[in-house]
Amino acid sequence: MALTIDSSEADELSRLLNDPRYEARHDIWLWLWLNQYHDAHFDSVTCNGITMRETLASYLSERSGILESVNSEKDQFLVPDSCLRWIDGNERQSQWLLRQIEPVTDQGPAEGFPRGLVRLTGKNRLIAMLDLWKLDVAEKVIAIGHMRADWLEHEARDRDFEWFKDRKETNERCKCAWEWLEKNDKSIFKGRAAISSYDDLLIYFDKAGHGSQERKYIVQKIKNRWSRKQFDERAADKKQFNVMLSKKVIHLLDELSEKHSLKRAQVLERLITAEAESGDYLAET
């Protein structure tokens, strides 16, 4: 968001650029552009820091030739803000986008993007990488549009994980997923933090790169594990007991089960418990 300052309060950089607006995105691009294309060798801690504009003004005040080209270069590099509004800065999207942006812009750690930019993170970092990308601006608009379409398509696949979005049990189901994945998924890298939330789960599968069928297979296996855990918890104080009954009694048991929407074991348990408490039918002889 641009902030327009009265001319009487304008700082040195505003006067040099003849631009009363303070816009962090433009300042970050200028810092990176000068650093990469004019070997400015700025201290990395000044990028997106309090002293960034002072640093830029000090450098440009002695280089009138570069100063005159700043605005025209800005037009060549920066796409309209509207092209970037879909980048919301949430952790999952940031991680996914970083993996898309680094290869196409050559702005990965091993390429041209400066190291040690501790104040340039999240959404600001992603946009800065796109802004510094040396590509015809019209082509850049199209490429960013394709990234947006790919992200929306990627998000649509989240329907495979709808089962985990239970209002009361989301975190417990996600923890169950981690228990299964830790034992069975070979794509887990050493030292990975445990999954404890729905966002953690989505980020994990984003990085794992499983195909559609494999993803559905894994989710089903996790569901099966959850069902077994739920059964074991409910049956913690129960023990299997086999008994021979006549066909007539079995038929009557089934009628009671259907009538009361209960399982056979539930009918028997309630009848036995009621008789033990009241003694109405099995009187002593």
C-alpha atoms as a PDB file:
ATOM      1  CA  MET A   1       0.000   0.000   0.000  1.00  0.00           C
ATOM      2  CA  ALA A   2       1.422   3.388  -0.996  1.00  0.00           C
ATOM      3  CA  LEU A   3       1.617   6.234   1.495  1.00  0.00           C
ATOM      4  CA  THR A   4       1.697   9.746   0.027  1.00  0.00           C
ATOM      5  CA  ILE A   5       3.662  12.296   2.041  1.00  0.00           C
ATOM      6  CA  ASP A   6       3.347  16.074   1.885  1.00  0.00           C
ATOM      7  CA  SER A   7       6.298  17.610   0.025  1.00  0.00           C
ATOM      8  CA  SER A   8       7.402  19.471   3.139  1.00  0.00           C
ATOM      9  CA  GLU A   9       7.836  16.140   4.951  1.00  0.00           C
ATOM     10  CA  ALA A  10       9.381  14.192   2.068  1.00  0.00           C
ATOM     11  CA  ASP A  11      12.657  12.415   2.800  1.00  0.00           C
ATOM     12  CA  GLU A  12      15.810  12.453   0.690  1.00  0.00           C
ATOM     13  CA  LEU A  13      14.831   9.431  -1.416  1.00  0.00           C
ATOM     14  CA  SER A  14      11.467  10.997  -2.313  1.00  0.00           C
ATOM     15  CA  ARG A  15      13.245  14.160  -3.426  1.00  0.00           C
ATOM     16  CA  LEU A  16      15.786  12.238  -5.475  1.00  0.00           C
ATOM     17  CA  LEU A  17      13.120  10.156  -7.220  1.00  0.00           C
ATOM     18  CA  ASN A  18      10.669  13.059  -7.421  1.00  0.00           C
ATOM     19  CA  ASP A  19       8.059  10.703  -5.967  1.00  0.00           C
ATOM     20  CA  PRO A  20       6.122  11.624  -2.783  1.00  0.00           C
ATOM     21  CA  ARG A  21       4.882   8.049  -2.284  1.00  0.00           C
ATOM     22  CA  TYR A  22       6.349   5.659   0.264  1.00  0.00           C
ATOM     23  CA  GLU A  23       5.696   2.144  -1.002  1.00  0.00           C
ATOM     24  CA  ALA A  24       7.560  -0.743   0.583  1.00  0.00           C
ATOM     25  CA  ARG A  25       7.221  -2.962  -2.490  1.00  0.00           C
ATOM     26  CA  HIS A  26       8.922  -0.367  -4.731  1.00  0.00           C
ATOM     27  CA  ASP A  27      11.655   0.332  -2.175  1.00  0.00           C
ATOM     28  CA  ILE A  28      12.420  -3.382  -1.803  1.00  0.00           C
ATOM     29  CA  TRP A  29      12.617  -3.785  -5.581  1.00  0.00           C
ATOM     30  CA  LEU A  30      14.960  -0.785  -5.845  1.00  0.00           C
ATOM     31  CA  TRP A  31      17.218  -2.195  -3.117  1.00  0.00           C
ATOM     32  CA  LEU A  32      17.380  -5.587  -4.856  1.00  0.00           C
ATOM     33  CA  TRP A  33      17.767  -4.105  -8.345  1.00  0.00           C
ATOM     34  CA  LEU A  34      20.674  -1.892  -7.327  1.00  0.00           C
ATOM     35  CA  ASN A  35      22.270  -4.715  -5.402  1.00  0.00           C
ATOM     36  CA  GLN A  36      22.017  -7.220  -8.260  1.00  0.00           C
ATOM     37  CA  TYR A  37      22.414  -5.126 -11.404  1.00  0.00           C
ATOM     38  CA  HIS A  38      24.663  -2.328 -10.122  1.00  0.00           C
ATOM     39  CA  ASP A  39      26.760  -4.187  -7.538  1.00  0.00           C
ATOM     40  CA  ALA A  40      25.637  -1.907  -4.717  1.00  0.00           C
ATOM     41  CA  HIS A  41      26.774  -4.429  -2.066  1.00  0.00           C
ATOM     42  CA  PHE A  42      24.268  -3.189   0.492  1.00  0.00           C
ATOM     43  CA  ASP A  43      24.269  -4.575   4.016  1.00  0.00           C
ATOM     44  CA  SER A  44      21.599  -7.300   3.853  1.00  0.00           C
ATOM     45  CA  VAL A  45      20.019  -6.262   7.149  1.00  0.00           C
ATOM     46  CA  THR A  46      18.905  -2.947   5.607  1.00  0.00           C
ATOM     47  CA  CYS A  47      16.583  -4.648   3.091  1.00  0.00           C
ATOM     48  CA  ASN A  48      13.023  -3.947   4.298  1.00  0.00           C
ATOM     49  CA  GLY A  49      14.527  -2.431   7.423  1.00  0.00           C
ATOM     50  CA  ILE A  50      14.107   0.977   9.050  1.00  0.00           C
ATOM     51  CA  THR A  51      17.207   2.378   7.311  1.00  0.00           C
ATOM     52  CA  MET A  52      16.424   1.020   3.832  1.00  0.00           C
ATOM     53  CA  ARG A  53      15.328   4.347   2.340  1.00  0.00           C
ATOM     54  CA  GLU A  54      18.314   6.144   3.857  1.00  0.00           C
ATOM     55  CA  THR A  55      20.615   3.493   2.393  1.00  0.00           C
ATOM     56  CA  LEU A  56      19.053   3.897  -1.061  1.00  0.00           C
ATOM     57  CA  ALA A  57      19.195   7.695  -0.928  1.00  0.00           C
ATOM     58  CA  SER A  58      22.850   7.677   0.108  1.00  0.00           C
ATOM     59  CA  TYR A  59      23.748   5.394  -2.798  1.00  0.00           C
ATOM     60  CA  LEU A  60      21.719   7.218  -5.473  1.00  0.00           C
ATOM     61  CA  SER A  61      22.741  10.725  -4.436  1.00  0.00           C
ATOM     62  CA  GLU A  62      26.195  10.045  -5.851  1.00  0.00           C
ATOM     63  CA  ARG A  63      25.057   8.249  -9.016  1.00  0.00           C
ATOM     64  CA  SER A  64      22.915  10.540 -11.148  1.00  0.00           C
ATOM     65  CA  GLY A  65      23.162   8.259 -14.180  1.00  0.00           C
ATOM     66  CA  ILE A  66      21.522   5.372 -12.346  1.00  0.00           C
ATOM     67  CA  LEU A  67      19.037   7.707 -10.698  1.00  0.00           C
ATOM     68  CA  GLU A  68      17.698   8.880 -14.054  1.00  0.00           C
ATOM     69  CA  SER A  69      16.912   5.312 -15.123  1.00  0.00           C
ATOM     70  CA  VAL A  70      15.126   4.137 -11.972  1.00  0.00           C
ATOM     71  CA  ASN A  71      11.561   4.966 -12.993  1.00  0.00           C
ATOM     72  CA  SER A  72      11.886   3.540 -16.506  1.00  0.00           C
ATOM     73  CA  GLU A  73      13.451   0.361 -15.087  1.00  0.00           C
ATOM     74  CA  LYS A  74      10.648   0.103 -12.563  1.00  0.00           C
ATOM     75  CA  ASP A  75       8.147   0.099 -15.432  1.00  0.00           C
ATOM     76  CA  GLN A  76      10.066  -2.743 -17.053  1.00  0.00           C
ATOM     77  CA  PHE A  77      10.141  -4.942 -13.936  1.00  0.00           C
ATOM     78  CA  LEU A  78       7.003  -4.345 -11.842  1.00  0.00           C
ATOM     79  CA  VAL A  79       3.586  -5.744 -12.746  1.00  0.00           C
ATOM     80  CA  PRO A  80       0.426  -3.968 -11.472  1.00  0.00           C
ATOM     81  CA  ASP A  81      -0.537  -4.615  -7.840  1.00  0.00           C
ATOM     82  CA  SER A  82      -3.773  -6.245  -9.012  1.00  0.00           C
ATOM     83  CA  CYS A  83      -1.786  -9.154 -10.473  1.00  0.00           C
ATOM     84  CA  LEU A  84      -0.445 -10.010  -7.032  1.00  0.00           C
ATOM     85  CA  ARG A  85      -3.473  -9.654  -4.751  1.00  0.00           C
ATOM     86  CA  TRP A  86      -4.112 -13.405  -4.763  1.00  0.00           C
ATOM     87  CA  ILE A  87      -0.831 -13.941  -2.876  1.00  0.00           C
ATOM     88  CA  ASP A  88      -2.128 -13.834   0.698  1.00  0.00           C
ATOM     89  CA  GLY A  89       1.017 -14.762   2.615  1.00  0.00           C
ATOM     90  CA  ASN A  90      -0.293 -17.783   4.538  1.00  0.00           C
ATOM     91  CA  GLU A  91       2.387 -20.345   5.398  1.00  0.00           C
ATOM     92  CA  ARG A  92       1.144 -23.097   3.130  1.00  0.00           C
ATOM     93  CA  GLN A  93       0.775 -20.898   0.061  1.00  0.00           C
ATOM     94  CA  SER A  94       4.155 -19.273   0.728  1.00  0.00           C
ATOM     95  CA  GLN A  95       5.938 -22.617   0.837  1.00  0.00           C
ATOM     96  CA  TRP A  96       4.167 -23.884  -2.281  1.00  0.00           C
ATOM     97  CA  LEU A  97       4.806 -20.673  -4.235  1.00  0.00           C
ATOM     98  CA  LEU A  98       8.460 -20.559  -3.274  1.00  0.00           C
ATOM     99  CA  ARG A  99       8.940 -23.956  -4.925  1.00  0.00           C
ATOM    100  CA  GLN A 100       7.277 -22.622  -8.095  1.00  0.00           C
ATOM    101  CA  ILE A 101       9.027 -19.243  -8.195  1.00  0.00           C
ATOM    102  CA  GLU A 102      12.631 -20.214  -7.505  1.00  0.00           C
ATOM    103  CA  PRO A 103      13.158 -22.421 -10.588  1.00  0.00           C
ATOM    104  CA  VAL A 104      11.573 -20.059 -13.138  1.00  0.00           C
ATOM    105  CA  THR A 105      13.063 -16.809 -11.816  1.00  0.00           C
ATOM    106  CA  ASP A 106      16.551 -18.145 -11.010  1.00  0.00           C
ATOM    107  CA  GLN A 107      16.129 -16.543  -7.593  1.00  0.00           C
ATOM    108  CA  GLY A 108      16.892 -19.598  -5.478  1.00  0.00           C
ATOM    109  CA  PRO A 109      19.560 -19.710  -2.746  1.00  0.00           C
ATOM    110  CA  ALA A 110      22.178 -20.957  -5.210  1.00  0.00           C
ATOM    111  CA  GLU A 111      21.354 -18.352  -7.857  1.00  0.00           C
ATOM    112  CA  GLY A 112      21.074 -14.585  -7.803  1.00  0.00           C
ATOM    113  CA  PHE A 113      18.848 -13.787  -4.827  1.00  0.00           C
ATOM    114  CA  PRO A 114      20.901 -12.322  -1.958  1.00  0.00           C
ATOM    115  CA  ARG A 115      21.416 -14.338   1.200  1.00  0.00           C
ATOM    116  CA  GLY A 116      20.804 -13.122   4.709  1.00  0.00           C
ATOM    117  CA  LEU A 117      17.697 -11.025   4.009  1.00  0.00           C
ATOM    118  CA  VAL A 118      16.318 -11.659   7.470  1.00  0.00           C
ATOM    119  CA  ARG A 119      13.665  -8.928   7.220  1.00  0.00           C
ATOM    120  CA  LEU A 120      12.381  -9.990   3.819  1.00  0.00           C
ATOM    121  CA  THR A 121      10.065 -12.915   4.502  1.00  0.00           C
ATOM    122  CA  GLY A 122       6.694 -14.431   3.581  1.00  0.00           C
ATOM    123  CA  LYS A 123       4.544 -12.536   1.113  1.00  0.00           C
ATOM    124  CA  ASN A 124       7.052  -9.673   0.748  1.00  0.00           C
ATOM    125  CA  ARG A 125       9.811 -12.087  -0.218  1.00  0.00           C
ATOM    126  CA  LEU A 126       7.695 -13.886  -2.822  1.00  0.00           C
ATOM    127  CA  ILE A 127       6.607 -10.621  -4.452  1.00  0.00           C
ATOM    128  CA  ALA A 128      10.176  -9.297  -4.371  1.00  0.00           C
ATOM    129  CA  MET A 129      11.389 -12.383  -6.232  1.00  0.00           C
ATOM    130  CA  LEU A 130       8.743 -11.864  -8.896  1.00  0.00           C
ATOM    131  CA  ASP A 131       9.553  -8.145  -9.122  1.00  0.00           C
ATOM    132  CA  LEU A 132      13.264  -8.838  -9.615  1.00  0.00           C
ATOM    133  CA  TRP A 133      12.559 -11.491 -12.253  1.00  0.00           C
ATOM    134  CA  LYS A 134      14.101 -10.241 -15.512  1.00  0.00           C
ATOM    135  CA  LEU A 135      11.278 -10.923 -17.933  1.00  0.00           C
ATOM    136  CA  ASP A 136       9.224  -8.768 -20.270  1.00  0.00           C
ATOM    137  CA  VAL A 137       6.551  -7.297 -18.031  1.00  0.00           C
ATOM    138  CA  ALA A 138       3.674  -8.391 -20.300  1.00  0.00           C
ATOM    139  CA  GLU A 139       5.012 -11.946 -20.264  1.00  0.00           C
ATOM    140  CA  LYS A 140       5.454 -11.700 -16.511  1.00  0.00           C
ATOM    141  CA  VAL A 141       1.779 -10.800 -16.085  1.00  0.00           C
ATOM    142  CA  ILE A 142       0.824 -13.926 -18.034  1.00  0.00           C
ATOM    143  CA  ALA A 143       3.268 -16.130 -16.106  1.00  0.00           C
ATOM    144  CA  ILE A 144       1.956 -14.902 -12.745  1.00  0.00           C
ATOM    145  CA  GLY A 145      -1.584 -15.549 -13.977  1.00  0.00           C
ATOM    146  CA  HIS A 146      -0.584 -19.134 -14.741  1.00  0.00           C
ATOM    147  CA  MET A 147       0.850 -19.492 -11.233  1.00  0.00           C
ATOM    148  CA  ARG A 148      -2.450 -18.305  -9.800  1.00  0.00           C
ATOM    149  CA  ALA A 149      -4.377 -20.831 -11.896  1.00  0.00           C
ATOM    150  CA  ASP A 150      -2.006 -23.614 -10.792  1.00  0.00           C
ATOM    151  CA  TRP A 151      -2.500 -22.622  -7.144  1.00  0.00           C
ATOM    152  CA  LEU A 152      -6.291 -22.679  -7.436  1.00  0.00           C
ATOM    153  CA  GLU A 153      -6.129 -26.081  -9.116  1.00  0.00           C
ATOM    154  CA  HIS A 154      -3.798 -27.299  -6.377  1.00  0.00           C
ATOM    155  CA  GLU A 155      -6.157 -26.033  -3.662  1.00  0.00           C
ATOM    156  CA  ALA A 156      -9.071 -27.826  -5.326  1.00  0.00           C
ATOM    157  CA  ARG A 157      -7.346 -31.151  -4.593  1.00  0.00           C
ATOM    158  CA  ASP A 158      -7.845 -30.476  -0.893  1.00  0.00           C
ATOM    159  CA  ARG A 159     -11.191 -32.249  -1.270  1.00  0.00           C
ATOM    160  CA  ASP A 160      -9.215 -35.484  -0.775  1.00  0.00           C
ATOM    161  CA  PHE A 161      -8.618 -34.359   2.816  1.00  0.00           C
ATOM    162  CA  GLU A 162     -12.163 -33.247   3.733  1.00  0.00           C
ATOM    163  CA  TRP A 163     -12.472 -36.135   6.214  1.00  0.00           C
ATOM    164  CA  PHE A 164      -9.823 -34.512   8.406  1.00  0.00           C
ATOM    165  CA  LYS A 165     -11.857 -31.286   8.743  1.00  0.00           C
ATOM    166  CA  ASP A 166     -14.078 -32.565  11.524  1.00  0.00           C
ATOM    167  CA  ARG A 167     -15.238 -29.774  13.816  1.00  0.00           C
ATOM    168  CA  LYS A 168     -14.376 -31.652  17.015  1.00  0.00           C
ATOM    169  CA  GLU A 169     -11.677 -34.114  15.982  1.00  0.00           C
ATOM    170  CA  THR A 170      -9.542 -32.352  13.346  1.00  0.00           C
ATOM    171  CA  ASN A 171      -6.329 -32.236  15.372  1.00  0.00           C
ATOM    172  CA  GLU A 172      -6.748 -35.776  16.687  1.00  0.00           C
ATOM    173  CA  ARG A 173      -7.322 -37.111  13.174  1.00  0.00           C
ATOM    174  CA  CYS A 174      -4.257 -35.249  11.944  1.00  0.00           C
ATOM    175  CA  LYS A 175      -2.179 -36.732  14.751  1.00  0.00           C
ATOM    176  CA  CYS A 176      -3.459 -40.151  13.730  1.00  0.00           C
ATOM    177  CA  ALA A 177      -2.313 -39.362  10.176  1.00  0.00           C
ATOM    178  CA  TRP A 178       1.167 -38.602  11.457  1.00  0.00           C
ATOM    179  CA  GLU A 179       1.300 -41.898  13.362  1.00  0.00           C
ATOM    180  CA  TRP A 180       0.529 -43.807  10.173  1.00  0.00           C
ATOM    181  CA  LEU A 181       2.774 -41.713   7.916  1.00  0.00           C
ATOM    182  CA  GLU A 182       5.738 -41.923  10.260  1.00  0.00           C
ATOM    183  CA  LYS A 183       5.638 -45.706  10.041  1.00  0.00           C
ATOM    184  CA  ASN A 184       4.613 -46.219   6.425  1.00  0.00           C
ATOM    185  CA  ASP A 185       5.456 -43.259   4.156  1.00  0.00           C
ATOM    186  CA  LYS A 186       9.009 -43.435   2.831  1.00  0.00           C
ATOM    187  CA  SER A 187       8.815 -39.862   1.533  1.00  0.00           C
ATOM    188  CA  ILE A 188       9.130 -38.482   5.083  1.00  0.00           C
ATOM    189  CA  PHE A 189      12.459 -36.738   5.467  1.00  0.00           C
ATOM    190  CA  LYS A 190      14.525 -37.086   8.606  1.00  0.00           C
ATOM    191  CA  GLY A 191      13.882 -34.534  11.307  1.00  0.00           C
ATOM    192  CA  ARG A 192      10.500 -33.427   9.981  1.00  0.00           C
ATOM    193  CA  ALA A 193       8.247 -31.864  12.609  1.00  0.00           C
ATOM    194  CA  ALA A 194       5.192 -33.913  13.567  1.00  0.00           C
ATOM    195  CA  ILE A 195       1.806 -33.174  12.010  1.00  0.00           C
ATOM    196  CA  SER A 196      -0.586 -31.764  14.616  1.00  0.00           C
ATOM    197  CA  SER A 197      -3.028 -29.601  12.609  1.00  0.00           C
ATOM    198  CA  TYR A 198      -4.922 -29.534   9.317  1.00  0.00           C
ATOM    199  CA  ASP A 199      -2.535 -26.949   7.836  1.00  0.00           C
ATOM    200  CA  ASP A 200       0.426 -29.140   8.832  1.00  0.00           C
ATOM    201  CA  LEU A 201      -1.224 -32.036   7.015  1.00  0.00           C
ATOM    202  CA  LEU A 202      -1.758 -30.064   3.802  1.00  0.00           C
ATOM    203  CA  ILE A 203       1.816 -28.755   3.844  1.00  0.00           C
ATOM    204  CA  TYR A 204       3.104 -32.296   4.321  1.00  0.00           C
ATOM    205  CA  PHE A 205       1.236 -33.630   1.290  1.00  0.00           C
ATOM    206  CA  ASP A 206       2.255 -30.566  -0.766  1.00  0.00           C
ATOM    207  CA  LYS A 207       5.890 -31.484  -0.200  1.00  0.00           C
ATOM    208  CA  ALA A 208       5.466 -35.253  -0.509  1.00  0.00           C
ATOM    209  CA  GLY A 209       4.273 -34.950  -4.105  1.00  0.00           C
ATOM    210  CA  HIS A 210       2.104 -38.085  -4.123  1.00  0.00           C
ATOM    211  CA  GLY A 211      -0.069 -38.747  -7.146  1.00  0.00           C
ATOM    212  CA  SER A 212      -3.859 -38.689  -6.895  1.00  0.00           C
ATOM    213  CA  GLN A 213      -4.319 -42.450  -6.445  1.00  0.00           C
ATOM    214  CA  GLU A 214      -1.492 -42.776  -3.947  1.00  0.00           C
ATOM    215  CA  ARG A 215      -2.858 -39.831  -1.964  1.00  0.00           C
ATOM    216  CA  LYS A 216      -6.330 -41.405  -1.787  1.00  0.00           C
ATOM    217  CA  TYR A 217      -4.809 -44.755  -0.811  1.00  0.00           C
ATOM    218  CA  ILE A 218      -2.890 -43.161   2.060  1.00  0.00           C
ATOM    219  CA  VAL A 219      -5.955 -41.257   3.289  1.00  0.00           C
ATOM    220  CA  GLN A 220      -7.985 -44.486   3.309  1.00  0.00           C
ATOM    221  CA  LYS A 221      -5.282 -46.259   5.293  1.00  0.00           C
ATOM    222  CA  ILE A 222      -5.324 -43.424   7.831  1.00  0.00           C
ATOM    223  CA  LYS A 223      -9.121 -43.665   8.071  1.00  0.00           C
ATOM    224  CA  ASN A 224      -8.810 -47.396   8.722  1.00  0.00           C
ATOM    225  CA  ARG A 225      -6.294 -46.741  11.490  1.00  0.00           C
ATOM    226  CA  TRP A 226      -8.621 -44.140  13.015  1.00  0.00           C
ATOM    227  CA  SER A 227     -11.542 -46.587  12.989  1.00  0.00           C
ATOM    228  CA  ARG A 228      -9.449 -49.246  14.727  1.00  0.00           C
ATOM    229  CA  LYS A 229      -8.315 -46.743  17.358  1.00  0.00           C
ATOM    230  CA  GLN A 230     -11.904 -45.647  17.999  1.00  0.00           C
ATOM    231  CA  PHE A 231     -13.058 -49.262  18.308  1.00  0.00           C
ATOM    232  CA  ASP A 232     -10.214 -50.118  20.679  1.00  0.00           C
ATOM    233  CA  GLU A 233     -11.041 -47.128  22.879  1.00  0.00           C
ATOM    234  CA  ARG A 234     -14.729 -48.022  23.034  1.00  0.00           C
ATOM    235  CA  ALA A 235     -13.930 -51.679  23.741  1.00  0.00           C
ATOM    236  CA  ALA A 236     -11.267 -50.984  26.349  1.00  0.00           C
ATOM    237  CA  ASP A 237     -13.449 -52.458  29.156  1.00  0.00           C
ATOM    238  CA  LYS A 238     -15.016 -55.190  27.013  1.00  0.00           C
ATOM    239  CA  LYS A 239     -14.046 -58.778  26.274  1.00  0.00           C
ATOM    240  CA  GLN A 240     -15.321 -61.088  23.566  1.00  0.00           C
ATOM    241  CA  PHE A 241     -17.618 -63.850  24.847  1.00  0.00           C
ATOM    242  CA  ASN A 242     -19.121 -66.617  22.719  1.00  0.00           C
ATOM    243  CA  VAL A 243     -22.423 -68.290  23.603  1.00  0.00           C
ATOM    244  CA  MET A 244     -24.674 -70.841  21.882  1.00  0.00           C
ATOM    245  CA  LEU A 245     -28.303 -69.702  21.309  1.00  0.00           C
ATOM    246  CA  SER A 246     -31.247 -71.432  19.702  1.00  0.00           C
ATOM    247  CA  LYS A 247     -32.357 -70.236  16.266  1.00  0.00           C
ATOM    248  CA  LYS A 248     -35.596 -68.968  17.800  1.00  0.00           C
ATOM    249  CA  VAL A 249     -33.735 -66.836  20.361  1.00  0.00           C
ATOM    250  CA  ILE A 250     -31.393 -65.534  17.664  1.00  0.00           C
ATOM    251  CA  HIS A 251     -34.435 -64.507  15.621  1.00  0.00           C
ATOM    252  CA  LEU A 252     -35.956 -62.736  18.623  1.00  0.00           C
ATOM    253  CA  LEU A 253     -32.604 -61.051  19.303  1.00  0.00           C
ATOM    254  CA  ASP A 254     -32.473 -59.784  15.744  1.00  0.00           C
ATOM    255  CA  GLU A 255     -36.030 -58.409  16.011  1.00  0.00           C
ATOM    256  CA  LEU A 256     -35.113 -56.519  19.194  1.00  0.00           C
ATOM    257  CA  SER A 257     -31.929 -55.248  17.561  1.00  0.00           C
ATOM    258  CA  GLU A 258     -33.819 -53.901  14.549  1.00  0.00           C
ATOM    259  CA  LYS A 259     -36.668 -52.470  16.626  1.00  0.00           C
ATOM    260  CA  HIS A 260     -34.350 -50.454  18.884  1.00  0.00           C
ATOM    261  CA  SER A 261     -31.617 -49.742  16.290  1.00  0.00           C
ATOM    262  CA  LEU A 262     -29.029 -51.515  18.409  1.00  0.00           C
ATOM    263  CA  LYS A 263     -26.399 -54.145  17.731  1.00  0.00           C
ATOM    264  CA  ARG A 264     -26.891 -57.651  19.067  1.00  0.00           C
ATOM    265  CA  ALA A 265     -24.204 -57.183  21.716  1.00  0.00           C
ATOM    266  CA  GLN A 266     -25.840 -53.942  22.879  1.00  0.00           C
ATOM    267  CA  VAL A 267     -29.254 -55.638  23.279  1.00  0.00           C
ATOM    268  CA  LEU A 268     -27.770 -58.491  25.293  1.00  0.00           C
ATOM    269  CA  GLU A 269     -25.698 -56.128  27.451  1.00  0.00           C
ATOM    270  CA  ARG A 270     -28.736 -53.977  28.308  1.00  0.00           C
ATOM    271  CA  LEU A 271     -30.979 -56.969  29.070  1.00  0.00           C
ATOM    272  CA  ILE A 272     -28.388 -58.635  31.284  1.00  0.00           C
ATOM    273  CA  THR A 273     -27.613 -55.383  33.101  1.00  0.00           C
ATOM    274  CA  ALA A 274     -31.336 -54.708  33.681  1.00  0.00           C
ATOM    275  CA  GLU A 275     -31.919 -58.200  35.031  1.00  0.00           C
ATOM    276  CA  ALA A 276     -28.896 -57.974  37.316  1.00  0.00           C
ATOM    277  CA  GLU A 277     -30.238 -54.737  38.756  1.00  0.00           C
ATOM    278  CA  SER A 278     -33.929 -55.707  39.115  1.00  0.00           C
ATOM    279  CA  GLY A 279     -34.037 -59.525  39.233  1.00  0.00           C
ATOM    280  CA  ASP A 280     -37.517 -59.532  37.706  1.00  0.00           C
ATOM    281  CA  TYR A 281     -37.226 -62.532  35.413  1.00  0.00           C
ATOM    282  CA  LEU A 282     -34.579 -64.886  36.745  1.00  0.00           C
ATOM    283  CA  ALA A 283     -36.148 -65.455  40.187  1.00  0.00           C
ATOM    284  CA  GLU A 284     -34.422 -67.989  42.426  1.00  0.00           C
ATOM    285  CA  THR A 285     -35.980 -71.456  42.345  1.00  0.00           C
END
